[in-house]
Every structure is written in structure tokens, then in C-alpha cells.
Amino acid sequence: AQTGMSDIKNKSREDEGIPWLIKNSAGDKTSFSGPVSVPKNLQFIIQKYIERPLLIHKRKFDIRVWVLINQDMEVYFCKEGYLRLSAMEYRLDNCQNLYVHLTNNAIQKNAKEYGRFEDGNQMDFTQFQEYIDTKYPDRKVSVKDDIVEDIKFIVAKTIDSVKKKLDPH
């Protein structure tokens, strides 16, 4: 069953003080919000903000990978991806500071601290592995064998969930 807007508004009130992310259906604008008020005819994605994310050097990051689906619905996964990191240390007390909370390059490239820690605020999988090995020496986590394999599983499930809606022709 679809969650109605009133359910989202009620949940938002329950979690007052915890921001939500709202992205329009075109995917080009993201904003933080408290209680949600969206016109009925607008298509959007909304999610609760992760308050305690995993951080690298006290900064937020996301992992980017490339996936190709051809006309025969064959899926190809690029071996190398990268991480995008924020320019500033993570703090939940200022959700309006996009340099802290959003990692996309269009925003980060304007930060005064852009490129201070990594070239272009990016880290490849080899650098990520080095960070994990240094930060968590007892944990024996492999980016390639553990993290990337989990991402592949999520990608497969995601594609499977929408494959009937994909029109290869």
C-alpha cells in the first residue's frame, strides 16, 4: 500500500527536529525539511535523513558506481567506482549548510575547502581500501569482496524491482 501524504506528515511530526530529504522527480533539486508540505500534483522522492551516517575523516560520503543495462536487459557493472566526500565535518545542528550534508560535485565545488583533503573531494576504491585498513585494522573488510559485492546485490534487486517498467525498445 502506498503511504499517503497525511501519513508522511504525521511521521514527520513524530520525528520533529530530524530533517527529511525531498527531491523532485527530475532529481535536480534536494532540500531539507521538517514537516512536509508538497502540492498534490508534484512527484517527488522523500526520505528520512540518516542522522548518524558512517563518516570518513568525520565527513559524509557517498559511493558512486556505473551500471549499464542493454536492450537485451543484460546488466553490466563497472569494477571501479568512487566516493564523493563533503568538504566539511559532519554536524547535524546546521542542516542548511549544504557543504556538510550533500556530497554532489555541483555543490561541493563551491565550498572554500573543496579539494583540501582529496583531489576533487573524491576517493577511488583503492584509497577507500587504504582508509578502511588504517581506520579498522582488526576488521578485515575488503572493498572489492565485501562492499562492492553488497552493492551489486542491491543493484540487482533494484533493477529486478523495476524491470517490468523498463522498455528496452
N, C-alpha and C. Protein backbone atom coordinates (compact mmCIF):
# COMPACT_ATOMS: atom_id res chain seq x y z
N ALA A 1 0.84 -1.19 0.00
CA ALA A 1 0.00 0.00 0.00
C ALA A 1 0.87 1.24 0.00
N GLN A 2 0.45 2.23 -0.75
CA GLN A 2 1.21 3.48 -0.81
C GLN A 2 0.98 4.27 0.47
N THR A 3 2.04 4.91 0.91
CA THR A 3 1.93 5.79 2.06
C THR A 3 1.33 7.10 1.59
N GLY A 4 0.27 7.54 2.27
CA GLY A 4 -0.36 8.80 1.90
C GLY A 4 0.41 9.98 2.44
N MET A 5 0.15 11.16 1.86
CA MET A 5 0.83 12.37 2.31
C MET A 5 0.54 12.64 3.78
N SER A 6 -0.69 12.33 4.24
CA SER A 6 -1.00 12.58 5.65
C SER A 6 -0.15 11.69 6.55
N ASP A 7 0.13 10.44 6.12
CA ASP A 7 1.00 9.56 6.90
C ASP A 7 2.41 10.13 6.99
N ILE A 8 2.89 10.67 5.88
CA ILE A 8 4.23 11.27 5.87
C ILE A 8 4.27 12.48 6.79
N LYS A 9 3.24 13.31 6.72
CA LYS A 9 3.19 14.49 7.60
C LYS A 9 3.15 14.08 9.06
N ASN A 10 2.35 13.06 9.39
CA ASN A 10 2.27 12.60 10.78
C ASN A 10 3.60 12.04 11.24
N LYS A 11 4.25 11.24 10.41
CA LYS A 11 5.56 10.68 10.77
C LYS A 11 6.57 11.80 10.95
N SER A 12 6.50 12.81 10.10
CA SER A 12 7.41 13.93 10.20
C SER A 12 7.23 14.66 11.53
N ARG A 13 5.99 14.80 11.98
CA ARG A 13 5.74 15.46 13.27
C ARG A 13 6.30 14.62 14.41
N GLU A 14 6.19 13.28 14.31
CA GLU A 14 6.73 12.40 15.35
C GLU A 14 8.24 12.57 15.47
N ASP A 15 8.88 12.79 14.36
CA ASP A 15 10.34 12.92 14.33
C ASP A 15 10.77 14.37 14.23
N GLU A 16 9.99 15.27 14.80
CA GLU A 16 10.30 16.69 14.70
C GLU A 16 11.73 16.95 15.14
N GLY A 17 12.40 17.77 14.40
CA GLY A 17 13.80 18.05 14.68
C GLY A 17 14.73 17.21 13.83
N ILE A 18 14.23 16.11 13.30
CA ILE A 18 15.03 15.27 12.41
C ILE A 18 14.67 15.67 10.98
N PRO A 19 15.64 16.09 10.19
CA PRO A 19 15.32 16.56 8.84
C PRO A 19 14.93 15.43 7.90
N TRP A 20 14.22 15.81 6.87
CA TRP A 20 13.85 14.91 5.78
C TRP A 20 14.49 15.46 4.51
N LEU A 21 14.80 14.57 3.59
CA LEU A 21 15.28 14.99 2.28
C LEU A 21 14.12 14.90 1.30
N ILE A 22 13.97 15.94 0.51
CA ILE A 22 12.94 15.96 -0.51
C ILE A 22 13.63 16.23 -1.84
N LYS A 23 13.39 15.35 -2.82
CA LYS A 23 13.99 15.52 -4.14
C LYS A 23 12.87 15.48 -5.16
N ASN A 24 12.87 16.45 -6.08
CA ASN A 24 11.81 16.43 -7.09
C ASN A 24 12.04 15.27 -8.05
N SER A 25 11.02 14.95 -8.83
CA SER A 25 11.10 13.76 -9.69
C SER A 25 12.15 13.90 -10.78
N ALA A 26 12.54 15.14 -11.11
CA ALA A 26 13.61 15.34 -12.09
C ALA A 26 14.97 15.04 -11.49
N GLY A 27 15.04 14.98 -10.15
CA GLY A 27 16.27 14.62 -9.47
C GLY A 27 17.30 15.72 -9.42
N ASP A 28 16.92 16.96 -9.71
CA ASP A 28 17.93 18.01 -9.77
C ASP A 28 17.89 18.98 -8.60
N LYS A 29 17.00 18.82 -7.68
CA LYS A 29 16.94 19.72 -6.52
C LYS A 29 16.72 18.88 -5.27
N THR A 30 17.50 19.13 -4.26
CA THR A 30 17.33 18.47 -2.98
C THR A 30 17.21 19.54 -1.92
N SER A 31 16.31 19.33 -0.98
CA SER A 31 16.21 20.28 0.12
C SER A 31 15.94 19.53 1.40
N PHE A 32 16.23 20.18 2.51
CA PHE A 32 15.95 19.63 3.82
C PHE A 32 14.65 20.23 4.30
N SER A 33 13.88 19.46 5.04
CA SER A 33 12.60 19.96 5.50
C SER A 33 12.25 19.35 6.84
N GLY A 34 11.40 20.02 7.54
CA GLY A 34 10.77 19.48 8.74
C GLY A 34 9.45 18.89 8.28
N PRO A 35 8.33 19.30 8.91
CA PRO A 35 7.03 18.82 8.44
C PRO A 35 6.86 19.12 6.95
N VAL A 36 6.34 18.16 6.22
CA VAL A 36 6.33 18.22 4.77
C VAL A 36 5.05 18.85 4.24
N SER A 37 5.20 19.76 3.30
CA SER A 37 4.06 20.36 2.61
C SER A 37 4.40 20.39 1.13
N VAL A 38 3.75 19.53 0.36
CA VAL A 38 4.06 19.41 -1.06
C VAL A 38 2.75 19.45 -1.84
N PRO A 39 2.68 20.22 -2.93
CA PRO A 39 1.46 20.24 -3.75
C PRO A 39 1.12 18.83 -4.25
N LYS A 40 -0.17 18.54 -4.36
CA LYS A 40 -0.62 17.20 -4.72
C LYS A 40 -0.14 16.74 -6.09
N ASN A 41 0.03 17.66 -7.04
CA ASN A 41 0.40 17.26 -8.40
C ASN A 41 1.90 17.10 -8.60
N LEU A 42 2.69 17.33 -7.58
CA LEU A 42 4.14 17.23 -7.69
C LEU A 42 4.60 15.81 -7.39
N GLN A 43 5.43 15.25 -8.27
CA GLN A 43 6.03 13.95 -8.00
C GLN A 43 7.37 14.18 -7.33
N PHE A 44 7.66 13.40 -6.30
CA PHE A 44 8.88 13.63 -5.54
C PHE A 44 9.32 12.36 -4.84
N ILE A 45 10.53 12.40 -4.36
CA ILE A 45 11.08 11.34 -3.52
C ILE A 45 11.33 11.96 -2.17
N ILE A 46 10.95 11.26 -1.12
CA ILE A 46 11.18 11.78 0.22
C ILE A 46 11.78 10.67 1.07
N GLN A 47 12.75 11.03 1.87
CA GLN A 47 13.34 10.04 2.77
C GLN A 47 13.79 10.71 4.05
N LYS A 48 13.76 9.94 5.10
CA LYS A 48 14.24 10.44 6.38
C LYS A 48 15.76 10.55 6.30
N TYR A 49 16.27 11.63 6.78
CA TYR A 49 17.71 11.88 6.77
C TYR A 49 18.40 10.94 7.76
N ILE A 50 19.51 10.36 7.38
CA ILE A 50 20.28 9.49 8.27
C ILE A 50 21.05 10.37 9.23
N GLU A 51 20.69 10.29 10.49
CA GLU A 51 21.27 11.19 11.50
C GLU A 51 22.69 10.81 11.90
N ARG A 52 22.99 9.53 11.90
CA ARG A 52 24.32 9.07 12.32
C ARG A 52 24.95 8.26 11.20
N PRO A 53 25.35 8.92 10.12
CA PRO A 53 25.92 8.19 8.99
C PRO A 53 27.35 7.73 9.27
N LEU A 54 27.78 6.74 8.53
CA LEU A 54 29.19 6.35 8.54
C LEU A 54 29.96 7.52 7.94
N LEU A 55 31.06 7.88 8.56
CA LEU A 55 31.85 9.03 8.11
C LEU A 55 33.26 8.61 7.74
N ILE A 56 33.90 9.37 6.89
CA ILE A 56 35.32 9.22 6.59
C ILE A 56 35.98 10.53 6.99
N HIS A 57 36.93 10.45 7.87
CA HIS A 57 37.59 11.65 8.41
C HIS A 57 36.56 12.67 8.89
N LYS A 58 35.52 12.18 9.55
CA LYS A 58 34.44 12.99 10.13
C LYS A 58 33.58 13.69 9.09
N ARG A 59 33.65 13.23 7.83
CA ARG A 59 32.89 13.85 6.75
C ARG A 59 31.99 12.83 6.07
N LYS A 60 30.85 13.30 5.58
CA LYS A 60 29.92 12.44 4.87
C LYS A 60 30.50 12.04 3.51
N PHE A 61 30.01 10.92 3.02
CA PHE A 61 30.42 10.46 1.70
C PHE A 61 29.30 9.65 1.08
N ASP A 62 29.37 9.48 -0.22
CA ASP A 62 28.53 8.51 -0.90
C ASP A 62 29.41 7.73 -1.86
N ILE A 63 28.92 6.60 -2.29
CA ILE A 63 29.66 5.73 -3.20
C ILE A 63 28.94 5.76 -4.55
N ARG A 64 29.69 6.01 -5.60
CA ARG A 64 29.14 6.06 -6.95
C ARG A 64 29.68 4.89 -7.76
N VAL A 65 28.77 4.22 -8.46
CA VAL A 65 29.15 3.14 -9.37
C VAL A 65 28.38 3.33 -10.67
N TRP A 66 28.85 2.70 -11.71
CA TRP A 66 28.18 2.76 -13.00
C TRP A 66 27.62 1.39 -13.34
N VAL A 67 26.40 1.41 -13.84
CA VAL A 67 25.72 0.19 -14.25
C VAL A 67 25.12 0.45 -15.63
N LEU A 68 25.29 -0.50 -16.53
CA LEU A 68 24.72 -0.40 -17.87
C LEU A 68 23.72 -1.53 -18.05
N ILE A 69 22.56 -1.20 -18.56
CA ILE A 69 21.55 -2.20 -18.92
C ILE A 69 21.33 -2.05 -20.42
N ASN A 70 21.59 -3.11 -21.18
CA ASN A 70 21.42 -3.00 -22.63
C ASN A 70 20.00 -3.39 -23.05
N GLN A 71 19.74 -3.33 -24.36
CA GLN A 71 18.40 -3.60 -24.87
C GLN A 71 17.94 -5.03 -24.63
N ASP A 72 18.88 -5.94 -24.36
CA ASP A 72 18.53 -7.33 -24.06
C ASP A 72 18.38 -7.55 -22.55
N MET A 73 18.37 -6.44 -21.80
CA MET A 73 18.23 -6.46 -20.34
C MET A 73 19.41 -7.16 -19.65
N GLU A 74 20.56 -7.16 -20.32
CA GLU A 74 21.78 -7.65 -19.69
C GLU A 74 22.37 -6.50 -18.88
N VAL A 75 22.85 -6.82 -17.69
CA VAL A 75 23.35 -5.79 -16.77
C VAL A 75 24.86 -5.91 -16.67
N TYR A 76 25.54 -4.78 -16.83
CA TYR A 76 26.99 -4.71 -16.70
C TYR A 76 27.33 -3.74 -15.57
N PHE A 77 28.22 -4.17 -14.72
CA PHE A 77 28.63 -3.39 -13.55
C PHE A 77 30.10 -3.02 -13.71
N CYS A 78 30.41 -1.73 -13.67
CA CYS A 78 31.80 -1.28 -13.78
C CYS A 78 32.55 -1.62 -12.50
N LYS A 79 33.73 -2.20 -12.64
CA LYS A 79 34.52 -2.62 -11.47
C LYS A 79 34.94 -1.46 -10.58
N GLU A 80 35.27 -0.34 -11.18
CA GLU A 80 35.75 0.81 -10.40
C GLU A 80 34.65 1.83 -10.20
N GLY A 81 34.51 2.24 -8.98
CA GLY A 81 33.62 3.34 -8.64
C GLY A 81 34.43 4.35 -7.87
N TYR A 82 33.76 5.24 -7.22
CA TYR A 82 34.49 6.21 -6.40
C TYR A 82 33.58 6.73 -5.30
N LEU A 83 34.18 7.39 -4.35
CA LEU A 83 33.45 8.02 -3.26
C LEU A 83 33.50 9.52 -3.44
N ARG A 84 32.40 10.19 -3.13
CA ARG A 84 32.36 11.65 -3.11
C ARG A 84 32.24 12.06 -1.65
N LEU A 85 33.13 12.93 -1.22
CA LEU A 85 33.15 13.34 0.18
C LEU A 85 32.76 14.80 0.32
N SER A 86 32.16 15.11 1.46
CA SER A 86 31.84 16.51 1.73
C SER A 86 33.11 17.25 2.11
N ALA A 87 33.06 18.56 1.96
CA ALA A 87 34.23 19.39 2.24
C ALA A 87 34.38 19.71 3.72
N MET A 88 33.31 19.55 4.47
CA MET A 88 33.33 19.97 5.87
C MET A 88 32.90 18.83 6.79
N GLU A 89 33.35 18.87 8.04
CA GLU A 89 32.99 17.86 9.02
C GLU A 89 31.49 17.83 9.24
N TYR A 90 30.97 16.63 9.46
CA TYR A 90 29.55 16.41 9.65
C TYR A 90 29.09 16.94 11.01
N ARG A 91 28.01 17.71 10.97
CA ARG A 91 27.32 18.18 12.17
C ARG A 91 25.84 18.25 11.83
N LEU A 92 25.03 17.69 12.68
CA LEU A 92 23.59 17.68 12.43
C LEU A 92 22.93 18.99 12.81
N ASP A 93 23.62 19.83 13.57
CA ASP A 93 22.98 21.04 14.09
C ASP A 93 22.81 22.15 13.05
N ASN A 94 23.33 21.99 11.85
CA ASN A 94 23.14 23.01 10.82
C ASN A 94 22.80 22.35 9.49
N CYS A 95 21.54 21.99 9.34
CA CYS A 95 21.12 21.29 8.12
C CYS A 95 21.10 22.18 6.89
N GLN A 96 21.21 23.47 7.08
CA GLN A 96 21.19 24.39 5.94
C GLN A 96 22.55 24.48 5.26
N ASN A 97 23.61 23.99 5.90
CA ASN A 97 24.94 24.04 5.30
C ASN A 97 25.11 22.85 4.36
N LEU A 98 24.87 23.08 3.09
CA LEU A 98 24.91 22.00 2.11
C LEU A 98 26.30 21.41 1.93
N TYR A 99 27.35 22.17 2.23
CA TYR A 99 28.72 21.66 2.11
C TYR A 99 28.98 20.56 3.14
N VAL A 100 28.20 20.50 4.18
CA VAL A 100 28.31 19.46 5.21
C VAL A 100 27.49 18.23 4.81
N HIS A 101 26.30 18.46 4.27
CA HIS A 101 25.31 17.39 4.16
C HIS A 101 25.14 16.77 2.78
N LEU A 102 25.48 17.47 1.72
CA LEU A 102 25.31 16.93 0.37
C LEU A 102 26.68 16.77 -0.28
N THR A 103 26.90 15.63 -0.90
CA THR A 103 28.23 15.33 -1.43
C THR A 103 28.36 15.53 -2.94
N ASN A 104 27.29 15.93 -3.61
CA ASN A 104 27.40 16.04 -5.06
C ASN A 104 28.34 17.17 -5.48
N ASN A 105 29.02 16.95 -6.59
CA ASN A 105 30.06 17.87 -7.05
C ASN A 105 29.53 19.26 -7.37
N ALA A 106 28.31 19.36 -7.87
CA ALA A 106 27.75 20.66 -8.22
C ALA A 106 27.70 21.59 -7.01
N ILE A 107 27.52 21.03 -5.84
CA ILE A 107 27.50 21.82 -4.60
C ILE A 107 28.91 21.94 -4.03
N GLN A 108 29.60 20.82 -3.90
CA GLN A 108 30.90 20.80 -3.23
C GLN A 108 31.95 21.68 -3.91
N LYS A 109 31.90 21.79 -5.23
CA LYS A 109 32.93 22.57 -5.94
C LYS A 109 32.94 24.04 -5.55
N ASN A 110 31.87 24.51 -4.93
CA ASN A 110 31.80 25.91 -4.48
C ASN A 110 32.25 26.10 -3.03
N ALA A 111 32.56 25.02 -2.34
CA ALA A 111 32.99 25.12 -0.94
C ALA A 111 34.42 25.64 -0.87
N LYS A 112 34.69 26.48 0.10
CA LYS A 112 36.04 27.03 0.29
C LYS A 112 37.05 25.90 0.51
N GLU A 113 36.62 24.83 1.17
CA GLU A 113 37.50 23.71 1.50
C GLU A 113 37.56 22.65 0.40
N TYR A 114 36.92 22.89 -0.73
CA TYR A 114 36.88 21.90 -1.81
C TYR A 114 38.29 21.49 -2.22
N GLY A 115 38.55 20.19 -2.26
CA GLY A 115 39.84 19.67 -2.67
C GLY A 115 40.92 19.73 -1.61
N ARG A 116 40.61 20.21 -0.44
CA ARG A 116 41.61 20.34 0.63
C ARG A 116 42.10 18.98 1.12
N PHE A 117 41.21 18.00 1.18
CA PHE A 117 41.56 16.69 1.72
C PHE A 117 41.81 15.64 0.64
N GLU A 118 41.03 15.67 -0.41
CA GLU A 118 41.19 14.76 -1.54
C GLU A 118 41.06 15.59 -2.81
N ASP A 119 41.70 15.14 -3.85
CA ASP A 119 41.59 15.82 -5.14
C ASP A 119 40.13 15.76 -5.59
N GLY A 120 39.51 16.91 -5.74
CA GLY A 120 38.12 16.97 -6.17
C GLY A 120 37.14 16.36 -5.19
N ASN A 121 37.54 16.25 -3.92
CA ASN A 121 36.70 15.64 -2.88
C ASN A 121 36.30 14.22 -3.24
N GLN A 122 37.18 13.51 -3.94
CA GLN A 122 36.87 12.15 -4.37
C GLN A 122 37.95 11.18 -3.93
N MET A 123 37.54 9.94 -3.74
CA MET A 123 38.43 8.87 -3.32
C MET A 123 38.09 7.65 -4.18
N ASP A 124 39.09 7.02 -4.79
CA ASP A 124 38.80 5.82 -5.56
C ASP A 124 38.75 4.62 -4.61
N PHE A 125 38.40 3.45 -5.15
CA PHE A 125 38.24 2.27 -4.29
C PHE A 125 39.55 1.83 -3.65
N THR A 126 40.68 2.06 -4.31
CA THR A 126 41.98 1.72 -3.70
C THR A 126 42.24 2.61 -2.49
N GLN A 127 41.98 3.90 -2.63
CA GLN A 127 42.15 4.82 -1.49
C GLN A 127 41.16 4.48 -0.37
N PHE A 128 39.96 4.08 -0.73
CA PHE A 128 38.96 3.68 0.26
C PHE A 128 39.44 2.46 1.02
N GLN A 129 40.02 1.49 0.30
CA GLN A 129 40.55 0.29 0.96
C GLN A 129 41.67 0.66 1.93
N GLU A 130 42.54 1.56 1.51
CA GLU A 130 43.63 2.01 2.39
C GLU A 130 43.07 2.68 3.65
N TYR A 131 42.03 3.48 3.48
CA TYR A 131 41.40 4.13 4.64
C TYR A 131 40.83 3.08 5.59
N ILE A 132 40.09 2.11 5.06
CA ILE A 132 39.50 1.06 5.90
C ILE A 132 40.58 0.28 6.63
N ASP A 133 41.64 -0.10 5.91
CA ASP A 133 42.72 -0.87 6.52
C ASP A 133 43.39 -0.11 7.66
N THR A 134 43.51 1.20 7.51
CA THR A 134 44.15 2.03 8.53
C THR A 134 43.20 2.29 9.70
N LYS A 135 41.97 2.63 9.39
CA LYS A 135 40.99 3.00 10.43
C LYS A 135 40.48 1.79 11.21
N TYR A 136 40.32 0.66 10.53
CA TYR A 136 39.75 -0.54 11.15
C TYR A 136 40.67 -1.74 10.90
N PRO A 137 41.88 -1.74 11.45
CA PRO A 137 42.85 -2.81 11.15
C PRO A 137 42.41 -4.21 11.58
N ASP A 138 41.53 -4.30 12.56
CA ASP A 138 41.09 -5.62 13.04
C ASP A 138 39.89 -6.17 12.28
N ARG A 139 39.33 -5.39 11.39
CA ARG A 139 38.06 -5.78 10.76
C ARG A 139 38.20 -6.48 9.42
N LYS A 140 39.25 -6.56 8.79
CA LYS A 140 39.44 -7.31 7.53
C LYS A 140 38.26 -7.19 6.57
N VAL A 141 37.93 -5.96 6.21
CA VAL A 141 36.86 -5.69 5.25
C VAL A 141 37.50 -5.40 3.90
N SER A 142 37.01 -6.07 2.88
CA SER A 142 37.51 -5.85 1.52
C SER A 142 36.50 -5.02 0.74
N VAL A 143 36.95 -3.91 0.18
CA VAL A 143 36.06 -3.10 -0.65
C VAL A 143 35.55 -3.96 -1.80
N LYS A 144 36.46 -4.65 -2.48
CA LYS A 144 36.10 -5.45 -3.65
C LYS A 144 35.20 -6.63 -3.29
N ASP A 145 35.59 -7.40 -2.28
CA ASP A 145 34.88 -8.65 -1.98
C ASP A 145 33.67 -8.47 -1.08
N ASP A 146 33.64 -7.44 -0.29
CA ASP A 146 32.53 -7.24 0.64
C ASP A 146 31.61 -6.10 0.19
N ILE A 147 32.14 -4.90 0.13
CA ILE A 147 31.31 -3.73 -0.14
C ILE A 147 30.78 -3.74 -1.58
N VAL A 148 31.66 -3.95 -2.55
CA VAL A 148 31.21 -3.94 -3.95
C VAL A 148 30.24 -5.09 -4.21
N GLU A 149 30.48 -6.24 -3.61
CA GLU A 149 29.54 -7.36 -3.79
C GLU A 149 28.18 -7.04 -3.21
N ASP A 150 28.14 -6.35 -2.07
CA ASP A 150 26.86 -5.92 -1.50
C ASP A 150 26.17 -4.91 -2.41
N ILE A 151 26.95 -4.00 -2.99
CA ILE A 151 26.38 -3.01 -3.92
C ILE A 151 25.80 -3.73 -5.14
N LYS A 152 26.51 -4.72 -5.67
CA LYS A 152 26.00 -5.48 -6.81
C LYS A 152 24.66 -6.15 -6.47
N PHE A 153 24.56 -6.69 -5.28
CA PHE A 153 23.32 -7.33 -4.84
C PHE A 153 22.18 -6.30 -4.81
N ILE A 154 22.46 -5.12 -4.26
CA ILE A 154 21.44 -4.06 -4.19
C ILE A 154 21.05 -3.59 -5.59
N VAL A 155 22.03 -3.45 -6.47
CA VAL A 155 21.75 -3.05 -7.86
C VAL A 155 20.85 -4.09 -8.52
N ALA A 156 21.16 -5.37 -8.34
CA ALA A 156 20.35 -6.44 -8.95
C ALA A 156 18.92 -6.39 -8.42
N LYS A 157 18.75 -6.22 -7.13
CA LYS A 157 17.40 -6.14 -6.54
C LYS A 157 16.66 -4.90 -7.04
N THR A 158 17.38 -3.80 -7.18
CA THR A 158 16.75 -2.56 -7.66
C THR A 158 16.27 -2.73 -9.10
N ILE A 159 17.13 -3.26 -9.95
CA ILE A 159 16.75 -3.47 -11.35
C ILE A 159 15.61 -4.47 -11.44
N ASP A 160 15.67 -5.53 -10.66
CA ASP A 160 14.61 -6.53 -10.65
C ASP A 160 13.26 -5.90 -10.26
N SER A 161 13.30 -4.94 -9.37
CA SER A 161 12.05 -4.32 -8.89
C SER A 161 11.38 -3.44 -9.95
N VAL A 162 12.13 -3.01 -10.95
CA VAL A 162 11.56 -2.12 -11.97
C VAL A 162 11.64 -2.68 -13.39
N LYS A 163 12.15 -3.88 -13.55
CA LYS A 163 12.40 -4.38 -14.91
C LYS A 163 11.13 -4.48 -15.76
N LYS A 164 9.99 -4.69 -15.15
CA LYS A 164 8.74 -4.75 -15.93
C LYS A 164 8.37 -3.38 -16.48
N LYS A 165 8.88 -2.33 -15.86
CA LYS A 165 8.58 -0.97 -16.32
C LYS A 165 9.61 -0.45 -17.32
N LEU A 166 10.73 -1.15 -17.45
CA LEU A 166 11.76 -0.73 -18.39
C LEU A 166 11.36 -1.16 -19.79
N ASP A 167 11.48 -0.27 -20.74
CA ASP A 167 11.14 -0.57 -22.12
C ASP A 167 12.43 -0.59 -22.93
N PRO A 168 12.95 -1.77 -23.24
CA PRO A 168 14.23 -1.83 -23.94
C PRO A 168 14.15 -1.45 -25.42
N HIS A 169 12.95 -1.24 -25.94
CA HIS A 169 12.83 -0.94 -27.37
C HIS A 169 12.12 0.35 -27.61
